[in-house]
N, C-alpha and C. Protein backbone atom coordinates (compact mmCIF):
# COMPACT_ATOMS: atom_id res chain seq x y z
N MET A 1 -9.81 6.31 24.39
CA MET A 1 -10.40 6.49 23.07
C MET A 1 -9.33 6.52 21.97
N LEU A 2 -8.20 7.18 22.27
CA LEU A 2 -7.13 7.28 21.29
C LEU A 2 -6.61 5.89 20.89
N ASN A 3 -6.42 5.02 21.89
CA ASN A 3 -5.95 3.66 21.58
C ASN A 3 -6.96 2.92 20.69
N PHE A 4 -8.23 3.11 20.96
CA PHE A 4 -9.27 2.49 20.16
C PHE A 4 -9.18 2.95 18.70
N ILE A 5 -9.02 4.24 18.48
CA ILE A 5 -8.93 4.80 17.13
C ILE A 5 -7.69 4.27 16.42
N ARG A 6 -6.55 4.31 17.10
CA ARG A 6 -5.31 3.81 16.49
C ARG A 6 -5.44 2.33 16.15
N ASP A 7 -5.96 1.54 17.09
CA ASP A 7 -6.10 0.09 16.85
C ASP A 7 -7.05 -0.20 15.69
N THR A 8 -8.11 0.59 15.57
CA THR A 8 -9.07 0.42 14.48
C THR A 8 -8.43 0.70 13.13
N ILE A 9 -7.68 1.79 13.05
CA ILE A 9 -7.01 2.13 11.80
C ILE A 9 -5.99 1.05 11.43
N VAL A 10 -5.21 0.59 12.40
CA VAL A 10 -4.22 -0.45 12.13
C VAL A 10 -4.91 -1.73 11.66
N SER A 11 -5.98 -2.12 12.31
CA SER A 11 -6.69 -3.34 11.95
C SER A 11 -7.21 -3.29 10.51
N GLN A 12 -7.84 -2.18 10.15
CA GLN A 12 -8.38 -2.06 8.79
C GLN A 12 -7.26 -1.92 7.75
N PHE A 13 -6.20 -1.22 8.11
CA PHE A 13 -5.08 -1.06 7.20
C PHE A 13 -4.38 -2.40 6.98
N GLU A 14 -4.21 -3.17 8.06
CA GLU A 14 -3.59 -4.49 7.92
C GLU A 14 -4.43 -5.41 7.04
N ALA A 15 -5.74 -5.34 7.16
CA ALA A 15 -6.61 -6.15 6.30
C ALA A 15 -6.39 -5.78 4.83
N SER A 16 -6.29 -4.50 4.56
CA SER A 16 -6.04 -4.05 3.19
C SER A 16 -4.68 -4.51 2.69
N LEU A 17 -3.68 -4.39 3.52
CA LEU A 17 -2.34 -4.84 3.12
C LEU A 17 -2.30 -6.35 2.92
N TYR A 18 -3.03 -7.08 3.74
CA TYR A 18 -3.09 -8.53 3.56
C TYR A 18 -3.69 -8.88 2.19
N MET A 19 -4.77 -8.18 1.84
CA MET A 19 -5.41 -8.44 0.56
C MET A 19 -4.48 -8.08 -0.60
N LEU A 20 -3.73 -6.97 -0.46
CA LEU A 20 -2.75 -6.62 -1.48
C LEU A 20 -1.66 -7.68 -1.56
N ASN A 21 -1.21 -8.16 -0.41
CA ASN A 21 -0.19 -9.21 -0.38
C ASN A 21 -0.69 -10.47 -1.10
N GLU A 22 -1.95 -10.84 -0.88
CA GLU A 22 -2.51 -12.01 -1.57
C GLU A 22 -2.50 -11.81 -3.09
N CYS A 23 -2.83 -10.62 -3.53
CA CYS A 23 -2.81 -10.35 -4.97
C CYS A 23 -1.40 -10.51 -5.53
N ILE A 24 -0.43 -9.95 -4.83
CA ILE A 24 0.95 -10.06 -5.29
C ILE A 24 1.39 -11.52 -5.30
N GLU A 25 1.14 -12.22 -4.20
CA GLU A 25 1.58 -13.62 -4.07
C GLU A 25 0.90 -14.53 -5.10
N LYS A 26 -0.38 -14.27 -5.39
CA LYS A 26 -1.14 -15.17 -6.26
C LYS A 26 -1.09 -14.79 -7.73
N CYS A 27 -0.39 -13.72 -8.05
CA CYS A 27 -0.31 -13.32 -9.45
C CYS A 27 0.52 -14.34 -10.22
N PRO A 28 -0.06 -14.97 -11.24
CA PRO A 28 0.71 -15.92 -12.05
C PRO A 28 1.85 -15.20 -12.79
N ALA A 29 2.93 -15.89 -13.01
CA ALA A 29 4.10 -15.30 -13.66
C ALA A 29 3.75 -14.65 -14.99
N ASP A 30 2.84 -15.26 -15.73
CA ASP A 30 2.49 -14.71 -17.05
C ASP A 30 1.62 -13.46 -16.96
N GLN A 31 1.19 -13.09 -15.75
CA GLN A 31 0.38 -11.89 -15.56
C GLN A 31 1.14 -10.75 -14.88
N TRP A 32 2.38 -10.99 -14.47
CA TRP A 32 3.16 -9.99 -13.73
C TRP A 32 3.33 -8.71 -14.54
N ASP A 33 3.43 -8.84 -15.85
CA ASP A 33 3.58 -7.67 -16.72
C ASP A 33 2.29 -7.32 -17.46
N ALA A 34 1.19 -7.97 -17.12
CA ALA A 34 -0.10 -7.69 -17.78
C ALA A 34 -0.58 -6.29 -17.41
N ALA A 35 -1.27 -5.68 -18.34
CA ALA A 35 -1.74 -4.30 -18.14
C ALA A 35 -2.93 -4.24 -17.19
N ILE A 36 -2.80 -3.37 -16.23
CA ILE A 36 -3.90 -2.97 -15.34
C ILE A 36 -4.12 -1.50 -15.70
N GLY A 37 -5.10 -1.23 -16.53
CA GLY A 37 -5.19 0.11 -17.11
C GLY A 37 -4.03 0.26 -18.07
N LYS A 38 -3.15 1.21 -17.81
CA LYS A 38 -2.01 1.40 -18.71
C LYS A 38 -0.67 0.98 -18.09
N TYR A 39 -0.71 0.41 -16.90
CA TYR A 39 0.53 0.01 -16.23
C TYR A 39 0.56 -1.50 -15.97
N PRO A 40 1.76 -2.08 -15.93
CA PRO A 40 1.85 -3.51 -15.61
C PRO A 40 1.39 -3.80 -14.18
N PHE A 41 0.94 -5.01 -13.96
CA PHE A 41 0.48 -5.46 -12.64
C PHE A 41 1.48 -5.08 -11.56
N TRP A 42 2.76 -5.45 -11.76
CA TRP A 42 3.79 -5.19 -10.75
C TRP A 42 3.94 -3.69 -10.47
N HIS A 43 3.77 -2.87 -11.51
CA HIS A 43 3.92 -1.42 -11.35
C HIS A 43 2.81 -0.85 -10.47
N VAL A 44 1.59 -1.34 -10.63
CA VAL A 44 0.47 -0.89 -9.80
C VAL A 44 0.74 -1.26 -8.33
N ALA A 45 1.22 -2.48 -8.10
CA ALA A 45 1.54 -2.91 -6.73
C ALA A 45 2.67 -2.06 -6.15
N TYR A 46 3.70 -1.81 -6.94
CA TYR A 46 4.84 -1.00 -6.50
C TYR A 46 4.39 0.42 -6.17
N HIS A 47 3.63 1.03 -7.05
CA HIS A 47 3.11 2.38 -6.83
C HIS A 47 2.32 2.44 -5.51
N THR A 48 1.48 1.46 -5.29
CA THR A 48 0.67 1.42 -4.08
C THR A 48 1.56 1.39 -2.84
N LEU A 49 2.57 0.54 -2.85
CA LEU A 49 3.47 0.43 -1.70
C LEU A 49 4.31 1.68 -1.50
N CYS A 50 4.75 2.31 -2.58
CA CYS A 50 5.52 3.55 -2.44
C CYS A 50 4.70 4.61 -1.71
N LEU A 51 3.43 4.71 -2.06
CA LEU A 51 2.60 5.73 -1.41
C LEU A 51 2.22 5.33 0.01
N VAL A 52 2.04 4.04 0.27
CA VAL A 52 1.84 3.61 1.66
C VAL A 52 3.04 4.07 2.49
N ASP A 53 4.23 3.76 2.01
CA ASP A 53 5.47 4.11 2.69
C ASP A 53 5.55 5.62 2.90
N LEU A 54 5.31 6.38 1.85
CA LEU A 54 5.40 7.84 1.93
C LEU A 54 4.39 8.40 2.93
N TYR A 55 3.11 8.03 2.79
CA TYR A 55 2.08 8.64 3.62
C TYR A 55 2.10 8.17 5.07
N LEU A 56 2.81 7.10 5.36
CA LEU A 56 2.98 6.72 6.76
C LEU A 56 4.06 7.55 7.44
N THR A 57 4.82 8.28 6.65
CA THR A 57 5.84 9.18 7.18
C THR A 57 5.13 10.43 7.68
N SER A 58 5.73 11.11 8.63
CA SER A 58 5.09 12.29 9.21
C SER A 58 5.02 13.46 8.25
N GLY A 59 5.78 13.42 7.19
CA GLY A 59 5.75 14.49 6.20
C GLY A 59 6.74 14.22 5.09
N VAL A 60 6.59 14.95 4.01
CA VAL A 60 7.41 14.73 2.84
C VAL A 60 8.89 14.90 3.14
N ASP A 61 9.26 15.84 3.98
CA ASP A 61 10.66 16.08 4.30
C ASP A 61 11.27 15.00 5.19
N ALA A 62 10.43 14.24 5.87
CA ALA A 62 10.91 13.18 6.77
C ALA A 62 11.02 11.82 6.08
N PHE A 63 10.61 11.75 4.82
CA PHE A 63 10.61 10.46 4.13
C PHE A 63 12.03 9.95 3.91
N HIS A 64 12.21 8.66 4.18
CA HIS A 64 13.50 7.99 3.99
C HIS A 64 13.43 7.15 2.72
N TYR A 65 14.21 7.52 1.72
CA TYR A 65 14.26 6.73 0.49
C TYR A 65 15.03 5.45 0.75
N ARG A 66 14.44 4.34 0.37
CA ARG A 66 15.06 3.03 0.54
C ARG A 66 15.77 2.68 -0.77
N PRO A 67 17.12 2.54 -0.74
CA PRO A 67 17.86 2.32 -1.99
C PRO A 67 17.38 1.09 -2.77
N GLU A 68 16.93 0.06 -2.06
CA GLU A 68 16.49 -1.15 -2.75
C GLU A 68 15.14 -0.96 -3.45
N PHE A 69 14.35 0.01 -3.01
CA PHE A 69 13.03 0.24 -3.61
C PHE A 69 12.91 1.58 -4.32
N HIS A 70 13.77 2.51 -3.98
CA HIS A 70 13.74 3.85 -4.60
C HIS A 70 15.15 4.20 -5.08
N PRO A 71 15.70 3.42 -6.01
CA PRO A 71 17.08 3.65 -6.43
C PRO A 71 17.33 5.05 -6.99
N LYS A 72 16.32 5.65 -7.56
CA LYS A 72 16.45 7.01 -8.12
C LYS A 72 15.80 8.06 -7.21
N ARG A 73 15.60 7.69 -5.96
CA ARG A 73 15.05 8.59 -4.94
C ARG A 73 13.73 9.24 -5.40
N GLN A 74 13.63 10.55 -5.38
CA GLN A 74 12.38 11.24 -5.68
C GLN A 74 11.88 10.97 -7.10
N SER A 75 12.79 10.71 -8.02
CA SER A 75 12.32 10.49 -9.39
C SER A 75 11.49 9.21 -9.51
N GLU A 76 11.61 8.30 -8.53
CA GLU A 76 10.74 7.11 -8.53
C GLU A 76 9.28 7.52 -8.33
N PHE A 77 9.07 8.64 -7.66
CA PHE A 77 7.72 9.13 -7.38
C PHE A 77 7.28 10.12 -8.47
N ASP A 78 8.21 10.92 -8.96
CA ASP A 78 7.87 11.97 -9.92
C ASP A 78 7.64 11.44 -11.34
N GLY A 79 8.42 10.44 -11.72
CA GLY A 79 8.31 9.92 -13.08
C GLY A 79 7.09 9.04 -13.23
N GLU A 80 6.69 8.84 -14.47
CA GLU A 80 5.53 7.99 -14.72
C GLU A 80 5.86 6.52 -14.47
N HIS A 81 7.13 6.15 -14.70
CA HIS A 81 7.53 4.76 -14.55
C HIS A 81 8.70 4.64 -13.57
N PRO A 82 8.74 3.58 -12.79
CA PRO A 82 9.90 3.36 -11.91
C PRO A 82 11.16 3.16 -12.74
N SER A 83 12.30 3.28 -12.10
CA SER A 83 13.58 3.18 -12.81
C SER A 83 13.91 1.74 -13.19
N ARG A 84 13.22 0.78 -12.59
CA ARG A 84 13.46 -0.62 -12.94
C ARG A 84 12.22 -1.44 -12.62
N ARG A 85 12.21 -2.66 -13.10
CA ARG A 85 11.12 -3.61 -12.86
C ARG A 85 11.40 -4.30 -11.51
N PHE A 86 10.35 -4.50 -10.73
CA PHE A 86 10.47 -5.18 -9.44
C PHE A 86 9.82 -6.55 -9.54
N ASP A 87 10.42 -7.54 -8.89
CA ASP A 87 9.84 -8.88 -8.93
C ASP A 87 8.95 -9.12 -7.71
N LYS A 88 8.29 -10.23 -7.72
CA LYS A 88 7.31 -10.57 -6.69
C LYS A 88 7.94 -10.59 -5.29
N SER A 89 9.09 -11.24 -5.14
CA SER A 89 9.71 -11.34 -3.81
C SER A 89 10.09 -9.97 -3.27
N GLU A 90 10.52 -9.06 -4.15
CA GLU A 90 10.86 -7.71 -3.71
C GLU A 90 9.63 -6.97 -3.20
N LEU A 91 8.52 -7.10 -3.92
CA LEU A 91 7.31 -6.39 -3.49
C LEU A 91 6.71 -6.99 -2.23
N VAL A 92 6.82 -8.29 -2.06
CA VAL A 92 6.36 -8.92 -0.81
C VAL A 92 7.23 -8.41 0.35
N ALA A 93 8.52 -8.29 0.13
CA ALA A 93 9.42 -7.76 1.17
C ALA A 93 9.09 -6.30 1.48
N TYR A 94 8.82 -5.51 0.44
CA TYR A 94 8.47 -4.11 0.64
C TYR A 94 7.16 -3.99 1.41
N LEU A 95 6.20 -4.84 1.10
CA LEU A 95 4.93 -4.83 1.82
C LEU A 95 5.15 -5.14 3.31
N ALA A 96 6.03 -6.08 3.63
CA ALA A 96 6.32 -6.40 5.03
C ALA A 96 6.93 -5.19 5.75
N ILE A 97 7.78 -4.46 5.06
CA ILE A 97 8.37 -3.24 5.65
C ILE A 97 7.27 -2.21 5.90
N CYS A 98 6.39 -2.04 4.92
CA CYS A 98 5.29 -1.08 5.08
C CYS A 98 4.35 -1.49 6.22
N ARG A 99 4.09 -2.76 6.36
CA ARG A 99 3.22 -3.22 7.44
C ARG A 99 3.84 -2.90 8.80
N GLN A 100 5.12 -3.15 8.95
CA GLN A 100 5.78 -2.84 10.22
C GLN A 100 5.80 -1.34 10.47
N LYS A 101 6.02 -0.57 9.41
CA LYS A 101 6.00 0.88 9.54
C LYS A 101 4.63 1.36 9.99
N LEU A 102 3.58 0.76 9.44
CA LEU A 102 2.21 1.08 9.86
C LEU A 102 2.05 0.89 11.36
N ILE A 103 2.46 -0.26 11.84
CA ILE A 103 2.31 -0.58 13.27
C ILE A 103 3.09 0.41 14.12
N ASP A 104 4.34 0.67 13.73
CA ASP A 104 5.19 1.58 14.50
C ASP A 104 4.68 3.01 14.47
N LYS A 105 4.32 3.50 13.29
CA LYS A 105 3.90 4.89 13.15
C LYS A 105 2.57 5.16 13.84
N LEU A 106 1.62 4.25 13.70
CA LEU A 106 0.33 4.47 14.35
C LEU A 106 0.46 4.42 15.86
N ALA A 107 1.33 3.56 16.37
CA ALA A 107 1.54 3.48 17.82
C ALA A 107 2.09 4.79 18.37
N ALA A 108 2.82 5.53 17.54
CA ALA A 108 3.44 6.78 17.99
C ALA A 108 2.52 7.99 17.82
N GLU A 109 1.41 7.84 17.13
CA GLU A 109 0.50 8.97 16.93
C GLU A 109 -0.16 9.37 18.25
N THR A 110 -0.28 10.66 18.44
CA THR A 110 -0.97 11.21 19.61
C THR A 110 -2.25 11.89 19.14
N ALA A 111 -3.08 12.26 20.07
CA ALA A 111 -4.30 12.99 19.70
C ALA A 111 -3.92 14.28 18.96
N GLU A 112 -2.87 14.91 19.42
CA GLU A 112 -2.43 16.16 18.79
C GLU A 112 -1.90 15.91 17.38
N SER A 113 -1.09 14.88 17.21
CA SER A 113 -0.53 14.64 15.87
C SER A 113 -1.63 14.22 14.89
N LEU A 114 -2.59 13.45 15.35
CA LEU A 114 -3.68 13.03 14.46
C LEU A 114 -4.56 14.20 14.04
N GLN A 115 -4.67 15.20 14.90
CA GLN A 115 -5.47 16.38 14.58
C GLN A 115 -4.68 17.41 13.78
N GLY A 116 -3.36 17.26 13.75
CA GLY A 116 -2.50 18.19 13.04
C GLY A 116 -2.54 17.97 11.54
N PRO A 117 -1.76 18.77 10.82
CA PRO A 117 -1.75 18.65 9.36
C PRO A 117 -1.16 17.33 8.89
N SER A 118 -1.52 16.95 7.68
CA SER A 118 -1.09 15.67 7.12
C SER A 118 0.43 15.57 6.98
N GLY A 119 1.09 16.70 6.77
CA GLY A 119 2.53 16.71 6.52
C GLY A 119 2.85 16.75 5.04
N PHE A 120 1.81 16.77 4.21
CA PHE A 120 1.99 16.78 2.76
C PHE A 120 1.18 17.95 2.19
N PRO A 121 1.84 18.90 1.55
CA PRO A 121 1.14 20.11 1.09
C PRO A 121 -0.05 19.82 0.17
N TRP A 122 0.00 18.72 -0.56
CA TRP A 122 -1.09 18.39 -1.49
C TRP A 122 -2.24 17.66 -0.81
N LEU A 123 -2.05 17.26 0.45
CA LEU A 123 -3.14 16.65 1.23
C LEU A 123 -3.55 17.66 2.30
N ARG A 124 -4.52 18.46 1.98
CA ARG A 124 -4.92 19.56 2.86
C ARG A 124 -5.98 19.11 3.86
N PHE A 125 -5.58 18.14 4.69
CA PHE A 125 -6.45 17.69 5.76
C PHE A 125 -5.58 17.15 6.88
N SER A 126 -6.22 16.63 7.91
CA SER A 126 -5.50 16.20 9.11
C SER A 126 -4.69 14.93 8.88
N ARG A 127 -3.80 14.67 9.83
CA ARG A 127 -3.00 13.44 9.80
C ARG A 127 -3.92 12.21 9.90
N ALA A 128 -4.96 12.29 10.73
CA ALA A 128 -5.90 11.18 10.85
C ALA A 128 -6.56 10.91 9.50
N GLU A 129 -6.99 11.95 8.82
CA GLU A 129 -7.62 11.75 7.52
C GLU A 129 -6.62 11.25 6.49
N ALA A 130 -5.35 11.64 6.61
CA ALA A 130 -4.31 11.14 5.70
C ALA A 130 -4.17 9.62 5.83
N HIS A 131 -4.30 9.10 7.06
CA HIS A 131 -4.23 7.64 7.23
C HIS A 131 -5.40 6.96 6.52
N LEU A 132 -6.58 7.54 6.62
CA LEU A 132 -7.75 6.96 5.95
C LEU A 132 -7.63 7.10 4.43
N TYR A 133 -7.09 8.20 3.98
CA TYR A 133 -6.84 8.42 2.55
C TYR A 133 -5.87 7.36 2.03
N ASN A 134 -4.82 7.10 2.78
CA ASN A 134 -3.82 6.10 2.43
C ASN A 134 -4.46 4.71 2.35
N LEU A 135 -5.27 4.39 3.32
CA LEU A 135 -5.99 3.12 3.35
C LEU A 135 -6.90 2.97 2.13
N ARG A 136 -7.61 4.02 1.78
CA ARG A 136 -8.49 3.98 0.60
C ARG A 136 -7.69 3.77 -0.67
N HIS A 137 -6.51 4.37 -0.75
CA HIS A 137 -5.65 4.21 -1.92
C HIS A 137 -5.23 2.75 -2.07
N VAL A 138 -4.86 2.11 -0.97
CA VAL A 138 -4.50 0.68 -1.00
C VAL A 138 -5.69 -0.13 -1.51
N GLN A 139 -6.87 0.11 -0.98
CA GLN A 139 -8.04 -0.66 -1.39
C GLN A 139 -8.40 -0.43 -2.85
N HIS A 140 -8.23 0.78 -3.33
CA HIS A 140 -8.52 1.07 -4.73
C HIS A 140 -7.68 0.19 -5.64
N HIS A 141 -6.37 0.20 -5.42
CA HIS A 141 -5.49 -0.58 -6.30
C HIS A 141 -5.59 -2.08 -6.03
N THR A 142 -5.84 -2.47 -4.81
CA THR A 142 -6.03 -3.89 -4.51
C THR A 142 -7.26 -4.41 -5.25
N GLY A 143 -8.30 -3.61 -5.31
CA GLY A 143 -9.49 -3.99 -6.07
C GLY A 143 -9.18 -4.17 -7.55
N GLN A 144 -8.37 -3.28 -8.12
CA GLN A 144 -7.98 -3.43 -9.52
C GLN A 144 -7.22 -4.73 -9.74
N LEU A 145 -6.24 -4.99 -8.89
CA LEU A 145 -5.41 -6.18 -9.04
C LEU A 145 -6.23 -7.45 -8.84
N SER A 146 -7.08 -7.45 -7.84
CA SER A 146 -7.93 -8.60 -7.54
C SER A 146 -8.88 -8.89 -8.70
N ALA A 147 -9.51 -7.85 -9.23
CA ALA A 147 -10.44 -8.04 -10.35
C ALA A 147 -9.70 -8.59 -11.57
N HIS A 148 -8.51 -8.10 -11.81
CA HIS A 148 -7.72 -8.62 -12.94
C HIS A 148 -7.42 -10.10 -12.76
N LEU A 149 -6.98 -10.48 -11.57
CA LEU A 149 -6.64 -11.88 -11.33
C LEU A 149 -7.86 -12.78 -11.50
N ARG A 150 -9.01 -12.33 -11.05
CA ARG A 150 -10.22 -13.14 -11.20
C ARG A 150 -10.62 -13.30 -12.67
N ARG A 151 -10.35 -12.28 -13.47
CA ARG A 151 -10.70 -12.34 -14.90
C ARG A 151 -9.80 -13.29 -15.67
N VAL A 152 -8.52 -13.33 -15.31
CA VAL A 152 -7.56 -14.06 -16.16
C VAL A 152 -7.20 -15.46 -15.68
N ASP A 153 -7.50 -15.76 -14.42
CA ASP A 153 -7.07 -17.05 -13.89
C ASP A 153 -8.27 -17.80 -13.33
N PRO A 154 -8.70 -18.88 -13.99
CA PRO A 154 -9.86 -19.63 -13.53
C PRO A 154 -9.72 -20.11 -12.07
N MET A 155 -8.50 -20.39 -11.65
CA MET A 155 -8.29 -20.84 -10.27
C MET A 155 -8.58 -19.73 -9.26
N LEU A 156 -8.53 -18.47 -9.70
CA LEU A 156 -8.75 -17.35 -8.79
C LEU A 156 -10.16 -16.77 -8.91
N GLN A 157 -11.03 -17.41 -9.69
CA GLN A 157 -12.39 -16.91 -9.82
C GLN A 157 -13.23 -17.21 -8.59
N ASP A 158 -12.83 -18.20 -7.83
CA ASP A 158 -13.51 -18.50 -6.57
C ASP A 158 -13.28 -17.32 -5.62
N PRO A 159 -14.35 -16.75 -5.04
CA PRO A 159 -14.19 -15.61 -4.14
C PRO A 159 -13.26 -15.88 -2.96
N GLN A 160 -13.05 -17.13 -2.61
CA GLN A 160 -12.15 -17.44 -1.52
C GLN A 160 -10.68 -17.42 -1.95
N ALA A 161 -10.42 -17.39 -3.25
CA ALA A 161 -9.04 -17.42 -3.74
C ALA A 161 -8.29 -16.14 -3.38
N VAL A 162 -8.90 -14.99 -3.64
CA VAL A 162 -8.36 -13.70 -3.20
C VAL A 162 -9.45 -13.15 -2.29
N ARG A 163 -9.29 -13.45 -1.03
CA ARG A 163 -10.37 -13.24 -0.05
C ARG A 163 -10.52 -11.79 0.40
N TRP A 164 -11.74 -11.46 0.75
CA TRP A 164 -12.04 -10.22 1.46
C TRP A 164 -11.67 -10.48 2.91
N ILE A 165 -10.89 -9.59 3.49
CA ILE A 165 -10.50 -9.70 4.89
C ILE A 165 -11.19 -8.57 5.65
N GLY A 166 -11.97 -8.91 6.64
CA GLY A 166 -12.74 -7.90 7.38
C GLY A 166 -11.92 -7.04 8.30
N ALA A 167 -10.90 -7.63 8.94
CA ALA A 167 -10.08 -6.86 9.89
C ALA A 167 -8.79 -7.62 10.16
N GLY A 168 -7.73 -6.89 10.38
CA GLY A 168 -6.45 -7.47 10.80
C GLY A 168 -5.73 -8.24 9.72
N TRP A 169 -4.54 -8.67 10.07
CA TRP A 169 -3.69 -9.48 9.19
C TRP A 169 -4.03 -10.93 9.45
N ARG A 170 -4.26 -11.74 8.43
CA ARG A 170 -4.63 -13.15 8.62
C ARG A 170 -3.42 -14.03 8.43
């Protein structure tokens, strides 16, 4: 049963990451700095990946800051804006790192670890629920990015342009 649960979470999480990857890849250059709410497109994608990376860690104290993506370490998370602008290739690379981390971390989860605390004081629920919370966060921002792309680019108005993925990485 444990393998089934882990495989299900990985499959759905990979589908969400694939959809986020499509949004990043298909964002026209003139929309990279366009506002999604009050933040640029790239900033929303970066924020999403930072939290994927963080919440896949077993806890806040175990998080490894990546100098290429978190040059100012914790202040990248605490501040309203990142310390620098990230380009498309950097975010695609960061997404690939997060996807591999997802696969590795979920494979290491046990029934006990999934039932244990999230590892984050502000997430007062189990590790299993933290994975679902993380997945929902990805889908929330992917929906924002996808809707923006469909509004501004006639080539992306076709529902197949930024596709819904039911399961797994395509």
